[in-house]
Amino acid sequence: MSDSYPKPCIQVFALGDFQTNCMILTQGEPEKGKSCWIVDCGYQPEPMLDAIEEQGLVPEKIILTHAHADHIAGLIEARSRFPGVPILMHQAEEAWMNDPMLNLSAALGLSVTAPGADAFVDEGDTLSLGELEFRVLHTPGHSPGGISLIHEPSKLAFVGDTLFAGSIGRTDFPGSSFEVLEESIKTKLYVLDPETVCFPGHGPHTTIGSEINSNPFVHG
């Protein structure tokens, strides 16, 4: 394959007490005036939002892998800094944005609410950032509206809390299901190129091949 295709650049910020991986995505290296995506925006988002401002980037979209509190708690601050930037998510979790019971913040004694989504994405949609095209996969199980974003040319995937290095997303929450999560991983993620690098919602990145060969929870 030619290396002439546009390259994504990912900046990862482990935010808040849950060390949620929230990301800035650009086509190529960040530079002033360049468009970017924010992928998830959790508690204490200031380091990520400061980096966007310091680099002179222009947020084009905020894309949520799912709507648990540790992935949405920083949205009000993000919207304050970057008014009007659209929020995209799966419609299955639309109500979670303003329901602390569903987004799990009530259990922490911190009732998180967030701006509503501006658009919904689902299986098979394609989202473009410059010349980068990401395919949307619906990967429920950890939560009903979990999504993953796949960039096949660079063998890159944002997988939220579906799959971790050596682990999987929790399935003991309301709306969670191990059987559904296992199906998502086996039929949506494990069929990707084994060299695909996965950026999860927590912890270090991994590869599809590594998880197929050694993940103790969902075997390839």
N, C-alpha and C. Protein backbone atom coordinates (compact mmCIF):
# COMPACT_ATOMS: atom_id res chain seq x y z
N MET A 1 0.84 -1.19 0.00
CA MET A 1 0.00 0.00 0.00
C MET A 1 0.87 1.25 0.00
N SER A 2 0.49 2.23 -0.77
CA SER A 2 1.24 3.48 -0.81
C SER A 2 1.13 4.21 0.51
N ASP A 3 2.21 4.92 0.87
CA ASP A 3 2.19 5.73 2.08
C ASP A 3 1.77 7.16 1.79
N SER A 4 1.16 7.40 0.63
CA SER A 4 0.81 8.76 0.24
C SER A 4 -0.51 9.23 0.82
N TYR A 5 -1.26 8.34 1.49
CA TYR A 5 -2.55 8.74 2.04
C TYR A 5 -2.34 9.69 3.23
N PRO A 6 -3.33 10.53 3.53
CA PRO A 6 -3.20 11.45 4.67
C PRO A 6 -3.05 10.68 5.98
N LYS A 7 -2.22 11.19 6.85
CA LYS A 7 -1.96 10.52 8.12
C LYS A 7 -2.69 11.22 9.27
N PRO A 8 -3.38 10.46 10.10
CA PRO A 8 -3.96 11.05 11.31
C PRO A 8 -2.89 11.28 12.37
N CYS A 9 -3.07 12.32 13.14
CA CYS A 9 -2.21 12.59 14.29
C CYS A 9 -3.10 12.61 15.53
N ILE A 10 -2.75 11.82 16.53
CA ILE A 10 -3.58 11.67 17.72
C ILE A 10 -2.82 12.16 18.94
N GLN A 11 -3.45 13.05 19.69
CA GLN A 11 -2.92 13.48 20.99
C GLN A 11 -3.87 12.94 22.06
N VAL A 12 -3.31 12.17 23.00
CA VAL A 12 -4.12 11.51 24.02
C VAL A 12 -3.91 12.20 25.36
N PHE A 13 -5.02 12.47 26.04
CA PHE A 13 -4.99 13.09 27.37
C PHE A 13 -5.78 12.20 28.33
N ALA A 14 -5.11 11.69 29.35
CA ALA A 14 -5.78 10.86 30.36
C ALA A 14 -6.33 11.80 31.43
N LEU A 15 -7.65 12.01 31.41
CA LEU A 15 -8.26 13.09 32.18
C LEU A 15 -9.00 12.57 33.41
N GLY A 16 -8.93 13.36 34.49
CA GLY A 16 -9.72 13.12 35.68
C GLY A 16 -9.30 11.91 36.47
N ASP A 17 -10.04 11.66 37.53
CA ASP A 17 -9.72 10.55 38.43
C ASP A 17 -9.81 9.19 37.74
N PHE A 18 -10.64 9.11 36.69
CA PHE A 18 -10.80 7.83 35.98
C PHE A 18 -9.77 7.67 34.86
N GLN A 19 -8.92 8.70 34.69
CA GLN A 19 -7.88 8.65 33.65
C GLN A 19 -8.49 8.24 32.30
N THR A 20 -9.54 8.94 31.94
CA THR A 20 -10.23 8.67 30.68
C THR A 20 -9.42 9.21 29.52
N ASN A 21 -9.13 8.36 28.56
CA ASN A 21 -8.39 8.79 27.38
C ASN A 21 -9.31 9.62 26.48
N CYS A 22 -9.06 10.91 26.45
CA CYS A 22 -9.76 11.82 25.57
C CYS A 22 -8.75 12.34 24.57
N MET A 23 -9.16 12.54 23.33
CA MET A 23 -8.19 12.72 22.26
C MET A 23 -8.48 13.90 21.35
N ILE A 24 -7.41 14.46 20.83
CA ILE A 24 -7.46 15.45 19.76
C ILE A 24 -6.95 14.75 18.51
N LEU A 25 -7.72 14.85 17.44
CA LEU A 25 -7.35 14.23 16.17
C LEU A 25 -7.21 15.30 15.11
N THR A 26 -6.09 15.28 14.39
CA THR A 26 -5.88 16.16 13.25
C THR A 26 -5.37 15.35 12.06
N GLN A 27 -5.54 15.92 10.88
CA GLN A 27 -4.89 15.34 9.70
C GLN A 27 -3.48 15.91 9.65
N GLY A 28 -2.49 15.06 9.87
CA GLY A 28 -1.13 15.53 9.94
C GLY A 28 -0.87 16.25 11.26
N GLU A 29 0.31 16.80 11.39
CA GLU A 29 0.71 17.46 12.63
C GLU A 29 -0.15 18.69 12.89
N PRO A 30 -0.44 18.97 14.18
CA PRO A 30 -1.27 20.13 14.49
C PRO A 30 -0.56 21.43 14.14
N GLU A 31 -1.32 22.36 13.61
CA GLU A 31 -0.79 23.68 13.32
C GLU A 31 -1.93 24.69 13.35
N LYS A 32 -1.58 25.94 13.52
CA LYS A 32 -2.58 26.99 13.70
C LYS A 32 -3.57 27.01 12.54
N GLY A 33 -4.85 27.06 12.89
CA GLY A 33 -5.90 27.15 11.89
C GLY A 33 -6.39 25.81 11.36
N LYS A 34 -5.74 24.72 11.78
CA LYS A 34 -6.13 23.40 11.27
C LYS A 34 -7.34 22.88 12.03
N SER A 35 -8.25 22.20 11.33
CA SER A 35 -9.41 21.60 11.96
C SER A 35 -9.01 20.38 12.77
N CYS A 36 -9.77 20.12 13.81
CA CYS A 36 -9.52 18.94 14.64
C CYS A 36 -10.85 18.37 15.11
N TRP A 37 -10.78 17.12 15.53
CA TRP A 37 -11.88 16.50 16.27
C TRP A 37 -11.46 16.32 17.71
N ILE A 38 -12.45 16.39 18.60
CA ILE A 38 -12.30 15.96 19.98
C ILE A 38 -13.04 14.63 20.10
N VAL A 39 -12.35 13.60 20.54
CA VAL A 39 -12.98 12.30 20.75
C VAL A 39 -13.09 12.07 22.26
N ASP A 40 -14.31 12.20 22.77
CA ASP A 40 -14.64 12.14 24.19
C ASP A 40 -14.09 13.34 24.94
N CYS A 41 -14.80 13.72 26.00
CA CYS A 41 -14.42 14.92 26.76
C CYS A 41 -14.86 14.72 28.20
N GLY A 42 -13.94 14.19 29.01
CA GLY A 42 -14.29 13.75 30.35
C GLY A 42 -14.06 14.78 31.44
N TYR A 43 -14.00 14.29 32.68
CA TYR A 43 -13.74 15.15 33.81
C TYR A 43 -12.42 15.89 33.65
N GLN A 44 -12.38 17.12 34.19
CA GLN A 44 -11.15 17.93 34.20
C GLN A 44 -10.51 18.00 32.81
N PRO A 45 -11.25 18.56 31.84
CA PRO A 45 -10.79 18.55 30.45
C PRO A 45 -9.78 19.64 30.10
N GLU A 46 -9.40 20.45 31.10
CA GLU A 46 -8.59 21.63 30.81
C GLU A 46 -7.30 21.34 30.05
N PRO A 47 -6.53 20.30 30.40
CA PRO A 47 -5.28 20.08 29.64
C PRO A 47 -5.52 19.88 28.15
N MET A 48 -6.58 19.15 27.79
CA MET A 48 -6.88 18.94 26.37
C MET A 48 -7.37 20.22 25.71
N LEU A 49 -8.27 20.93 26.38
CA LEU A 49 -8.81 22.15 25.80
C LEU A 49 -7.73 23.23 25.70
N ASP A 50 -6.85 23.30 26.71
CA ASP A 50 -5.72 24.24 26.64
C ASP A 50 -4.84 23.94 25.44
N ALA A 51 -4.58 22.66 25.19
CA ALA A 51 -3.72 22.27 24.07
C ALA A 51 -4.33 22.70 22.74
N ILE A 52 -5.64 22.56 22.61
CA ILE A 52 -6.31 22.99 21.38
C ILE A 52 -6.10 24.48 21.17
N GLU A 53 -6.29 25.27 22.23
CA GLU A 53 -6.12 26.72 22.12
C GLU A 53 -4.67 27.09 21.86
N GLU A 54 -3.76 26.47 22.58
CA GLU A 54 -2.33 26.80 22.42
C GLU A 54 -1.83 26.48 21.02
N GLN A 55 -2.37 25.41 20.43
CA GLN A 55 -1.93 25.02 19.08
C GLN A 55 -2.72 25.74 17.98
N GLY A 56 -3.70 26.53 18.37
CA GLY A 56 -4.48 27.27 17.39
C GLY A 56 -5.38 26.40 16.54
N LEU A 57 -5.78 25.24 17.07
CA LEU A 57 -6.63 24.33 16.32
C LEU A 57 -8.09 24.79 16.37
N VAL A 58 -8.86 24.33 15.40
CA VAL A 58 -10.27 24.70 15.29
C VAL A 58 -11.12 23.44 15.41
N PRO A 59 -11.76 23.21 16.56
CA PRO A 59 -12.59 22.01 16.70
C PRO A 59 -13.74 22.00 15.70
N GLU A 60 -13.83 20.91 14.97
CA GLU A 60 -14.86 20.74 13.95
C GLU A 60 -16.00 19.89 14.45
N LYS A 61 -15.68 18.91 15.31
CA LYS A 61 -16.67 18.02 15.87
C LYS A 61 -16.18 17.52 17.22
N ILE A 62 -17.14 17.21 18.10
CA ILE A 62 -16.87 16.42 19.29
C ILE A 62 -17.61 15.10 19.08
N ILE A 63 -16.88 14.00 19.08
CA ILE A 63 -17.48 12.69 18.85
C ILE A 63 -17.37 11.87 20.13
N LEU A 64 -18.49 11.35 20.57
CA LEU A 64 -18.54 10.58 21.80
C LEU A 64 -18.58 9.09 21.49
N THR A 65 -17.66 8.33 22.08
CA THR A 65 -17.71 6.88 21.91
C THR A 65 -18.86 6.29 22.70
N HIS A 66 -19.27 6.95 23.78
CA HIS A 66 -20.47 6.61 24.53
C HIS A 66 -20.69 7.70 25.56
N ALA A 67 -21.80 7.60 26.33
CA ALA A 67 -22.22 8.73 27.16
C ALA A 67 -22.15 8.46 28.65
N HIS A 68 -21.18 7.67 29.10
CA HIS A 68 -20.93 7.58 30.53
C HIS A 68 -20.28 8.88 31.00
N ALA A 69 -20.47 9.19 32.28
CA ALA A 69 -20.06 10.49 32.80
C ALA A 69 -18.59 10.81 32.54
N ASP A 70 -17.72 9.82 32.66
CA ASP A 70 -16.30 10.10 32.50
C ASP A 70 -15.90 10.36 31.05
N HIS A 71 -16.86 10.29 30.14
CA HIS A 71 -16.60 10.62 28.74
C HIS A 71 -17.34 11.87 28.29
N ILE A 72 -18.23 12.41 29.15
CA ILE A 72 -19.03 13.58 28.75
C ILE A 72 -18.94 14.73 29.73
N ALA A 73 -18.30 14.54 30.89
CA ALA A 73 -18.36 15.54 31.96
C ALA A 73 -17.73 16.88 31.57
N GLY A 74 -16.85 16.89 30.58
CA GLY A 74 -16.19 18.13 30.18
C GLY A 74 -16.86 18.86 29.03
N LEU A 75 -18.03 18.39 28.61
CA LEU A 75 -18.65 18.98 27.42
C LEU A 75 -19.10 20.42 27.63
N ILE A 76 -19.60 20.73 28.82
CA ILE A 76 -20.02 22.12 29.06
C ILE A 76 -18.83 23.05 28.95
N GLU A 77 -17.70 22.65 29.53
CA GLU A 77 -16.48 23.47 29.43
C GLU A 77 -16.02 23.58 27.98
N ALA A 78 -16.08 22.46 27.24
CA ALA A 78 -15.66 22.49 25.83
C ALA A 78 -16.53 23.45 25.02
N ARG A 79 -17.83 23.39 25.25
CA ARG A 79 -18.75 24.27 24.53
C ARG A 79 -18.55 25.73 24.94
N SER A 80 -18.16 25.96 26.19
CA SER A 80 -17.87 27.33 26.64
C SER A 80 -16.66 27.90 25.90
N ARG A 81 -15.66 27.06 25.70
CA ARG A 81 -14.44 27.52 25.02
C ARG A 81 -14.63 27.58 23.51
N PHE A 82 -15.40 26.64 22.98
CA PHE A 82 -15.57 26.55 21.52
C PHE A 82 -17.06 26.51 21.20
N PRO A 83 -17.72 27.65 21.29
CA PRO A 83 -19.18 27.69 21.12
C PRO A 83 -19.60 27.14 19.75
N GLY A 84 -20.66 26.35 19.80
CA GLY A 84 -21.26 25.88 18.55
C GLY A 84 -20.66 24.63 17.96
N VAL A 85 -19.57 24.13 18.52
CA VAL A 85 -18.99 22.91 17.95
C VAL A 85 -19.98 21.77 18.13
N PRO A 86 -20.34 21.06 17.05
CA PRO A 86 -21.37 20.03 17.15
C PRO A 86 -20.90 18.79 17.89
N ILE A 87 -21.83 18.19 18.63
CA ILE A 87 -21.59 16.95 19.37
C ILE A 87 -22.29 15.82 18.63
N LEU A 88 -21.54 14.74 18.35
CA LEU A 88 -22.07 13.58 17.65
C LEU A 88 -21.99 12.36 18.56
N MET A 89 -23.01 11.50 18.49
CA MET A 89 -23.05 10.29 19.30
C MET A 89 -24.07 9.35 18.70
N HIS A 90 -24.19 8.15 19.28
CA HIS A 90 -25.22 7.21 18.86
C HIS A 90 -26.53 7.54 19.56
N GLN A 91 -27.63 7.44 18.83
CA GLN A 91 -28.92 7.87 19.35
C GLN A 91 -29.39 7.04 20.54
N ALA A 92 -28.89 5.82 20.68
CA ALA A 92 -29.33 4.95 21.78
C ALA A 92 -29.05 5.55 23.15
N GLU A 93 -28.11 6.50 23.23
CA GLU A 93 -27.78 7.10 24.51
C GLU A 93 -28.13 8.59 24.57
N GLU A 94 -29.03 9.02 23.71
CA GLU A 94 -29.42 10.43 23.68
C GLU A 94 -29.88 10.90 25.06
N ALA A 95 -30.71 10.11 25.73
CA ALA A 95 -31.26 10.51 27.02
C ALA A 95 -30.22 10.52 28.13
N TRP A 96 -29.11 9.86 27.94
CA TRP A 96 -28.09 9.74 28.98
C TRP A 96 -27.42 11.08 29.28
N MET A 97 -27.43 11.97 28.31
CA MET A 97 -26.71 13.24 28.48
C MET A 97 -27.25 14.05 29.66
N ASN A 98 -28.54 13.91 29.93
CA ASN A 98 -29.15 14.69 31.00
C ASN A 98 -29.78 13.80 32.06
N ASP A 99 -29.32 12.57 32.16
CA ASP A 99 -29.84 11.65 33.17
C ASP A 99 -28.68 11.08 33.98
N PRO A 100 -28.41 11.64 35.18
CA PRO A 100 -27.27 11.19 35.98
C PRO A 100 -27.35 9.72 36.38
N MET A 101 -28.56 9.14 36.43
CA MET A 101 -28.65 7.72 36.73
C MET A 101 -28.11 6.89 35.57
N LEU A 102 -28.49 7.26 34.36
CA LEU A 102 -28.04 6.51 33.19
C LEU A 102 -26.55 6.73 32.90
N ASN A 103 -26.08 7.98 33.05
CA ASN A 103 -24.66 8.22 32.73
C ASN A 103 -23.74 7.90 33.90
N LEU A 104 -24.32 7.39 34.99
CA LEU A 104 -23.60 6.84 36.16
C LEU A 104 -23.04 7.89 37.10
N SER A 105 -23.24 9.17 36.82
CA SER A 105 -22.68 10.19 37.71
C SER A 105 -23.42 10.26 39.03
N ALA A 106 -24.70 9.88 39.07
CA ALA A 106 -25.45 9.92 40.32
C ALA A 106 -24.82 9.02 41.37
N ALA A 107 -24.29 7.89 40.94
CA ALA A 107 -23.67 6.95 41.87
C ALA A 107 -22.41 7.52 42.50
N LEU A 108 -21.84 8.53 41.86
CA LEU A 108 -20.62 9.16 42.37
C LEU A 108 -20.94 10.39 43.21
N GLY A 109 -22.22 10.73 43.33
CA GLY A 109 -22.60 11.93 44.06
C GLY A 109 -22.33 13.21 43.29
N LEU A 110 -22.08 13.09 41.99
CA LEU A 110 -21.81 14.24 41.13
C LEU A 110 -22.73 14.15 39.93
N SER A 111 -23.80 14.90 39.95
CA SER A 111 -24.80 14.79 38.88
C SER A 111 -24.34 15.53 37.63
N VAL A 112 -23.81 14.77 36.68
CA VAL A 112 -23.31 15.34 35.43
C VAL A 112 -24.44 15.43 34.42
N THR A 113 -24.59 16.61 33.84
CA THR A 113 -25.45 16.78 32.67
C THR A 113 -24.61 17.44 31.60
N ALA A 114 -25.02 17.27 30.36
CA ALA A 114 -24.21 17.76 29.24
C ALA A 114 -25.12 18.28 28.14
N PRO A 115 -24.59 19.12 27.26
CA PRO A 115 -25.39 19.56 26.13
C PRO A 115 -25.84 18.37 25.29
N GLY A 116 -27.01 18.47 24.70
CA GLY A 116 -27.52 17.39 23.87
C GLY A 116 -26.75 17.26 22.57
N ALA A 117 -26.92 16.11 21.93
CA ALA A 117 -26.25 15.86 20.66
C ALA A 117 -26.85 16.73 19.56
N ASP A 118 -26.00 17.09 18.61
CA ASP A 118 -26.44 17.83 17.43
C ASP A 118 -26.71 16.91 16.25
N ALA A 119 -26.12 15.73 16.29
CA ALA A 119 -26.33 14.75 15.21
C ALA A 119 -26.02 13.37 15.76
N PHE A 120 -26.58 12.38 15.11
CA PHE A 120 -26.38 10.99 15.53
C PHE A 120 -25.64 10.22 14.45
N VAL A 121 -24.82 9.26 14.88
CA VAL A 121 -24.08 8.41 13.96
C VAL A 121 -24.44 6.96 14.25
N ASP A 122 -24.26 6.12 13.24
CA ASP A 122 -24.61 4.72 13.40
C ASP A 122 -23.74 3.87 12.48
N GLU A 123 -23.89 2.58 12.63
CA GLU A 123 -23.14 1.60 11.84
C GLU A 123 -23.12 1.96 10.36
N GLY A 124 -21.91 1.99 9.80
CA GLY A 124 -21.76 2.22 8.37
C GLY A 124 -21.61 3.66 7.96
N ASP A 125 -21.85 4.60 8.87
CA ASP A 125 -21.64 6.00 8.53
C ASP A 125 -20.15 6.26 8.31
N THR A 126 -19.86 7.27 7.52
CA THR A 126 -18.48 7.71 7.30
C THR A 126 -18.37 9.17 7.73
N LEU A 127 -17.36 9.47 8.53
CA LEU A 127 -17.11 10.83 8.98
C LEU A 127 -15.76 11.28 8.42
N SER A 128 -15.73 12.49 7.90
CA SER A 128 -14.52 12.98 7.24
C SER A 128 -13.92 14.16 7.99
N LEU A 129 -12.62 14.11 8.18
CA LEU A 129 -11.84 15.22 8.71
C LEU A 129 -10.77 15.52 7.67
N GLY A 130 -10.96 16.58 6.91
CA GLY A 130 -10.08 16.81 5.77
C GLY A 130 -10.21 15.64 4.81
N GLU A 131 -9.09 15.03 4.49
CA GLU A 131 -9.09 13.87 3.61
C GLU A 131 -9.18 12.54 4.37
N LEU A 132 -9.21 12.61 5.69
CA LEU A 132 -9.33 11.40 6.50
C LEU A 132 -10.78 10.95 6.54
N GLU A 133 -11.02 9.68 6.29
CA GLU A 133 -12.37 9.14 6.37
C GLU A 133 -12.41 8.01 7.39
N PHE A 134 -13.24 8.18 8.40
CA PHE A 134 -13.40 7.19 9.46
C PHE A 134 -14.74 6.49 9.30
N ARG A 135 -14.72 5.19 9.39
CA ARG A 135 -15.94 4.39 9.34
C ARG A 135 -16.46 4.18 10.76
N VAL A 136 -17.75 4.37 10.94
CA VAL A 136 -18.38 4.21 12.25
C VAL A 136 -18.87 2.77 12.39
N LEU A 137 -18.51 2.15 13.51
CA LEU A 137 -19.05 0.84 13.89
C LEU A 137 -19.88 1.02 15.15
N HIS A 138 -21.04 0.39 15.19
CA HIS A 138 -21.83 0.36 16.42
C HIS A 138 -21.34 -0.83 17.23
N THR A 139 -20.73 -0.57 18.37
CA THR A 139 -20.13 -1.62 19.18
C THR A 139 -20.71 -1.60 20.60
N PRO A 140 -21.98 -1.97 20.74
CA PRO A 140 -22.62 -1.95 22.06
C PRO A 140 -22.14 -3.10 22.93
N GLY A 141 -22.56 -3.04 24.18
CA GLY A 141 -22.22 -4.08 25.15
C GLY A 141 -21.82 -3.46 26.47
N HIS A 142 -20.79 -2.63 26.43
CA HIS A 142 -20.45 -1.84 27.62
C HIS A 142 -21.58 -0.85 27.88
N SER A 143 -22.12 -0.30 26.81
CA SER A 143 -23.30 0.55 26.85
C SER A 143 -24.02 0.40 25.51
N PRO A 144 -25.31 0.69 25.45
CA PRO A 144 -26.06 0.39 24.23
C PRO A 144 -25.69 1.24 23.02
N GLY A 145 -25.12 2.40 23.26
CA GLY A 145 -24.78 3.28 22.14
C GLY A 145 -23.30 3.40 21.89
N GLY A 146 -22.51 2.43 22.34
CA GLY A 146 -21.08 2.48 22.12
C GLY A 146 -20.73 2.44 20.64
N ILE A 147 -19.80 3.28 20.23
CA ILE A 147 -19.32 3.26 18.84
C ILE A 147 -17.80 3.17 18.82
N SER A 148 -17.29 2.70 17.69
CA SER A 148 -15.86 2.73 17.40
C SER A 148 -15.67 3.44 16.07
N LEU A 149 -14.52 4.09 15.92
CA LEU A 149 -14.18 4.82 14.69
C LEU A 149 -12.95 4.17 14.08
N ILE A 150 -13.05 3.81 12.80
CA ILE A 150 -12.00 3.03 12.15
C ILE A 150 -11.44 3.80 10.96
N HIS A 151 -10.11 3.93 10.90
CA HIS A 151 -9.43 4.49 9.73
C HIS A 151 -8.58 3.39 9.12
N GLU A 152 -9.13 2.74 8.11
CA GLU A 152 -8.47 1.56 7.55
C GLU A 152 -7.09 1.86 6.94
N PRO A 153 -6.91 2.97 6.20
CA PRO A 153 -5.61 3.17 5.56
C PRO A 153 -4.43 3.20 6.53
N SER A 154 -4.65 3.79 7.72
CA SER A 154 -3.56 3.84 8.70
C SER A 154 -3.67 2.77 9.77
N LYS A 155 -4.66 1.87 9.62
CA LYS A 155 -4.87 0.79 10.60
C LYS A 155 -4.97 1.35 12.02
N LEU A 156 -5.99 2.20 12.18
CA LEU A 156 -6.21 2.93 13.43
C LEU A 156 -7.66 2.78 13.84
N ALA A 157 -7.91 2.61 15.14
CA ALA A 157 -9.27 2.51 15.64
C ALA A 157 -9.39 3.18 17.01
N PHE A 158 -10.43 3.99 17.16
CA PHE A 158 -10.84 4.48 18.47
C PHE A 158 -11.95 3.55 18.94
N VAL A 159 -11.76 2.85 20.05
CA VAL A 159 -12.70 1.80 20.44
C VAL A 159 -13.43 2.08 21.75
N GLY A 160 -13.26 3.28 22.31
CA GLY A 160 -13.97 3.62 23.53
C GLY A 160 -13.72 2.60 24.64
N ASP A 161 -14.79 2.24 25.36
CA ASP A 161 -14.65 1.27 26.45
C ASP A 161 -15.09 -0.13 26.02
N THR A 162 -15.06 -0.39 24.72
CA THR A 162 -15.41 -1.72 24.23
C THR A 162 -14.29 -2.72 24.50
N LEU A 163 -13.07 -2.33 24.14
CA LEU A 163 -11.93 -3.24 24.22
C LEU A 163 -10.74 -2.50 24.79
N PHE A 164 -10.06 -3.14 25.75
CA PHE A 164 -8.86 -2.58 26.35
C PHE A 164 -7.68 -3.51 26.11
N ALA A 165 -6.50 -3.03 26.42
CA ALA A 165 -5.32 -3.89 26.36
C ALA A 165 -5.44 -4.96 27.44
N GLY A 166 -5.71 -6.18 27.02
CA GLY A 166 -5.83 -7.29 27.95
C GLY A 166 -7.12 -7.31 28.75
N SER A 167 -8.11 -6.53 28.33
CA SER A 167 -9.35 -6.49 29.08
C SER A 167 -10.49 -6.04 28.17
N ILE A 168 -11.66 -5.85 28.77
CA ILE A 168 -12.85 -5.39 28.05
C ILE A 168 -13.60 -4.41 28.94
N GLY A 169 -14.55 -3.70 28.35
CA GLY A 169 -15.37 -2.80 29.14
C GLY A 169 -16.23 -3.54 30.15
N ARG A 170 -16.53 -2.88 31.25
CA ARG A 170 -17.37 -3.49 32.27
C ARG A 170 -18.76 -3.75 31.73
N THR A 171 -19.38 -4.82 32.21
CA THR A 171 -20.72 -5.17 31.75
C THR A 171 -21.68 -5.35 32.92
N ASP A 172 -21.37 -4.69 34.05
CA ASP A 172 -22.24 -4.76 35.22
C ASP A 172 -22.98 -3.44 35.45
N PHE A 173 -23.04 -2.59 34.44
CA PHE A 173 -23.75 -1.33 34.53
C PHE A 173 -25.13 -1.46 33.90
N PRO A 174 -26.06 -0.55 34.24
CA PRO A 174 -27.35 -0.54 33.54
C PRO A 174 -27.16 -0.40 32.03
N GLY A 175 -27.82 -1.23 31.28
CA GLY A 175 -27.69 -1.18 29.83
C GLY A 175 -26.52 -1.95 29.28
N SER A 176 -25.73 -2.59 30.16
CA SER A 176 -24.57 -3.37 29.74
C SER A 176 -24.94 -4.84 29.55
N SER A 177 -24.15 -5.53 28.72
CA SER A 177 -24.37 -6.96 28.50
C SER A 177 -23.08 -7.59 28.02
N PHE A 178 -22.60 -8.62 28.74
CA PHE A 178 -21.38 -9.29 28.30
C PHE A 178 -21.59 -9.95 26.94
N GLU A 179 -22.75 -10.60 26.77
CA GLU A 179 -23.00 -11.31 25.51
C GLU A 179 -23.00 -10.35 24.33
N VAL A 180 -23.60 -9.18 24.51
CA VAL A 180 -23.63 -8.18 23.43
C VAL A 180 -22.22 -7.63 23.18
N LEU A 181 -21.48 -7.38 24.26
CA LEU A 181 -20.11 -6.88 24.11
C LEU A 181 -19.23 -7.89 23.40
N GLU A 182 -19.33 -9.14 23.80
CA GLU A 182 -18.55 -10.20 23.15
C GLU A 182 -18.85 -10.26 21.66
N GLU A 183 -20.13 -10.16 21.31
CA GLU A 183 -20.53 -10.17 19.90
C GLU A 183 -19.94 -8.98 19.15
N SER A 184 -19.97 -7.80 19.77
CA SER A 184 -19.39 -6.61 19.14
C SER A 184 -17.91 -6.80 18.87
N ILE A 185 -17.20 -7.30 19.88
CA ILE A 185 -15.75 -7.46 19.73
C ILE A 185 -15.42 -8.49 18.66
N LYS A 186 -16.12 -9.62 18.69
CA LYS A 186 -15.79 -10.69 17.76
C LYS A 186 -16.18 -10.36 16.32
N THR A 187 -17.34 -9.72 16.14
CA THR A 187 -17.85 -9.52 14.78
C THR A 187 -17.50 -8.16 14.18
N LYS A 188 -17.13 -7.20 15.03
CA LYS A 188 -16.83 -5.85 14.53
C LYS A 188 -15.35 -5.50 14.63
N LEU A 189 -14.71 -5.89 15.73
CA LEU A 189 -13.32 -5.49 15.95
C LEU A 189 -12.31 -6.57 15.57
N TYR A 190 -12.57 -7.82 15.97
CA TYR A 190 -11.61 -8.88 15.69
C TYR A 190 -11.52 -9.21 14.19
N VAL A 191 -12.41 -8.68 13.39
CA VAL A 191 -12.33 -8.90 11.94
C VAL A 191 -11.49 -7.82 11.25
N LEU A 192 -11.04 -6.82 11.99
CA LEU A 192 -10.17 -5.79 11.42
C LEU A 192 -8.77 -6.36 11.20
N ASP A 193 -7.98 -5.65 10.40
CA ASP A 193 -6.59 -6.04 10.19
C ASP A 193 -5.91 -6.24 11.55
N PRO A 194 -5.22 -7.36 11.76
CA PRO A 194 -4.59 -7.61 13.06
C PRO A 194 -3.60 -6.52 13.48
N GLU A 195 -3.06 -5.78 12.52
CA GLU A 195 -2.11 -4.72 12.85
C GLU A 195 -2.80 -3.43 13.27
N THR A 196 -4.12 -3.39 13.23
CA THR A 196 -4.85 -2.18 13.62
C THR A 196 -4.53 -1.80 15.06
N VAL A 197 -4.11 -0.56 15.26
CA VAL A 197 -3.82 -0.04 16.59
C VAL A 197 -5.10 0.54 17.19
N CYS A 198 -5.45 0.05 18.37
CA CYS A 198 -6.67 0.48 19.04
C CYS A 198 -6.34 1.46 20.16
N PHE A 199 -7.02 2.59 20.13
CA PHE A 199 -6.93 3.57 21.21
C PHE A 199 -8.19 3.44 22.06
N PRO A 200 -8.08 2.85 23.26
CA PRO A 200 -9.25 2.63 24.10
C PRO A 200 -9.56 3.84 24.98
N GLY A 201 -10.68 3.74 25.69
CA GLY A 201 -11.10 4.81 26.58
C GLY A 201 -10.29 4.90 27.86
N HIS A 202 -9.54 3.87 28.18
CA HIS A 202 -8.68 3.86 29.37
C HIS A 202 -7.48 2.98 29.09
N GLY A 203 -6.34 3.36 29.64
CA GLY A 203 -5.17 2.51 29.54
C GLY A 203 -4.42 2.66 28.23
N PRO A 204 -3.39 1.83 28.03
CA PRO A 204 -2.52 1.95 26.86
C PRO A 204 -3.19 1.44 25.59
N HIS A 205 -2.65 1.88 24.46
CA HIS A 205 -3.14 1.35 23.19
C HIS A 205 -2.68 -0.10 23.02
N THR A 206 -3.34 -0.77 22.12
CA THR A 206 -3.05 -2.18 21.86
C THR A 206 -3.29 -2.43 20.38
N THR A 207 -3.18 -3.67 19.95
CA THR A 207 -3.50 -4.00 18.57
C THR A 207 -4.57 -5.10 18.55
N ILE A 208 -5.28 -5.15 17.46
CA ILE A 208 -6.29 -6.20 17.30
C ILE A 208 -5.64 -7.58 17.39
N GLY A 209 -4.51 -7.75 16.73
CA GLY A 209 -3.83 -9.04 16.75
C GLY A 209 -3.44 -9.47 18.15
N SER A 210 -2.95 -8.53 18.95
CA SER A 210 -2.57 -8.85 20.32
C SER A 210 -3.77 -9.31 21.13
N GLU A 211 -4.90 -8.63 20.95
CA GLU A 211 -6.09 -9.00 21.73
C GLU A 211 -6.68 -10.33 21.25
N ILE A 212 -6.67 -10.58 19.94
CA ILE A 212 -7.13 -11.87 19.44
C ILE A 212 -6.32 -13.00 20.06
N ASN A 213 -5.01 -12.78 20.19
CA ASN A 213 -4.12 -13.84 20.66
C ASN A 213 -4.11 -14.01 22.17
N SER A 214 -4.41 -12.93 22.93
CA SER A 214 -4.15 -13.03 24.37
C SER A 214 -5.21 -12.44 25.27
N ASN A 215 -6.26 -11.82 24.72
CA ASN A 215 -7.26 -11.24 25.62
C ASN A 215 -7.96 -12.36 26.40
N PRO A 216 -7.94 -12.30 27.74
CA PRO A 216 -8.49 -13.42 28.52
C PRO A 216 -10.03 -13.42 28.61
N PHE A 217 -10.67 -12.35 28.19
CA PHE A 217 -12.12 -12.22 28.34
C PHE A 217 -12.88 -12.57 27.06
N VAL A 218 -12.34 -12.17 25.92
CA VAL A 218 -12.96 -12.49 24.64
C VAL A 218 -11.88 -13.07 23.75
N HIS A 219 -11.97 -14.36 23.47
CA HIS A 219 -10.96 -15.06 22.69
C HIS A 219 -11.23 -14.90 21.21
N GLY A 220 -10.15 -14.80 20.43
CA GLY A 220 -10.29 -14.64 19.00
C GLY A 220 -10.70 -15.93 18.31
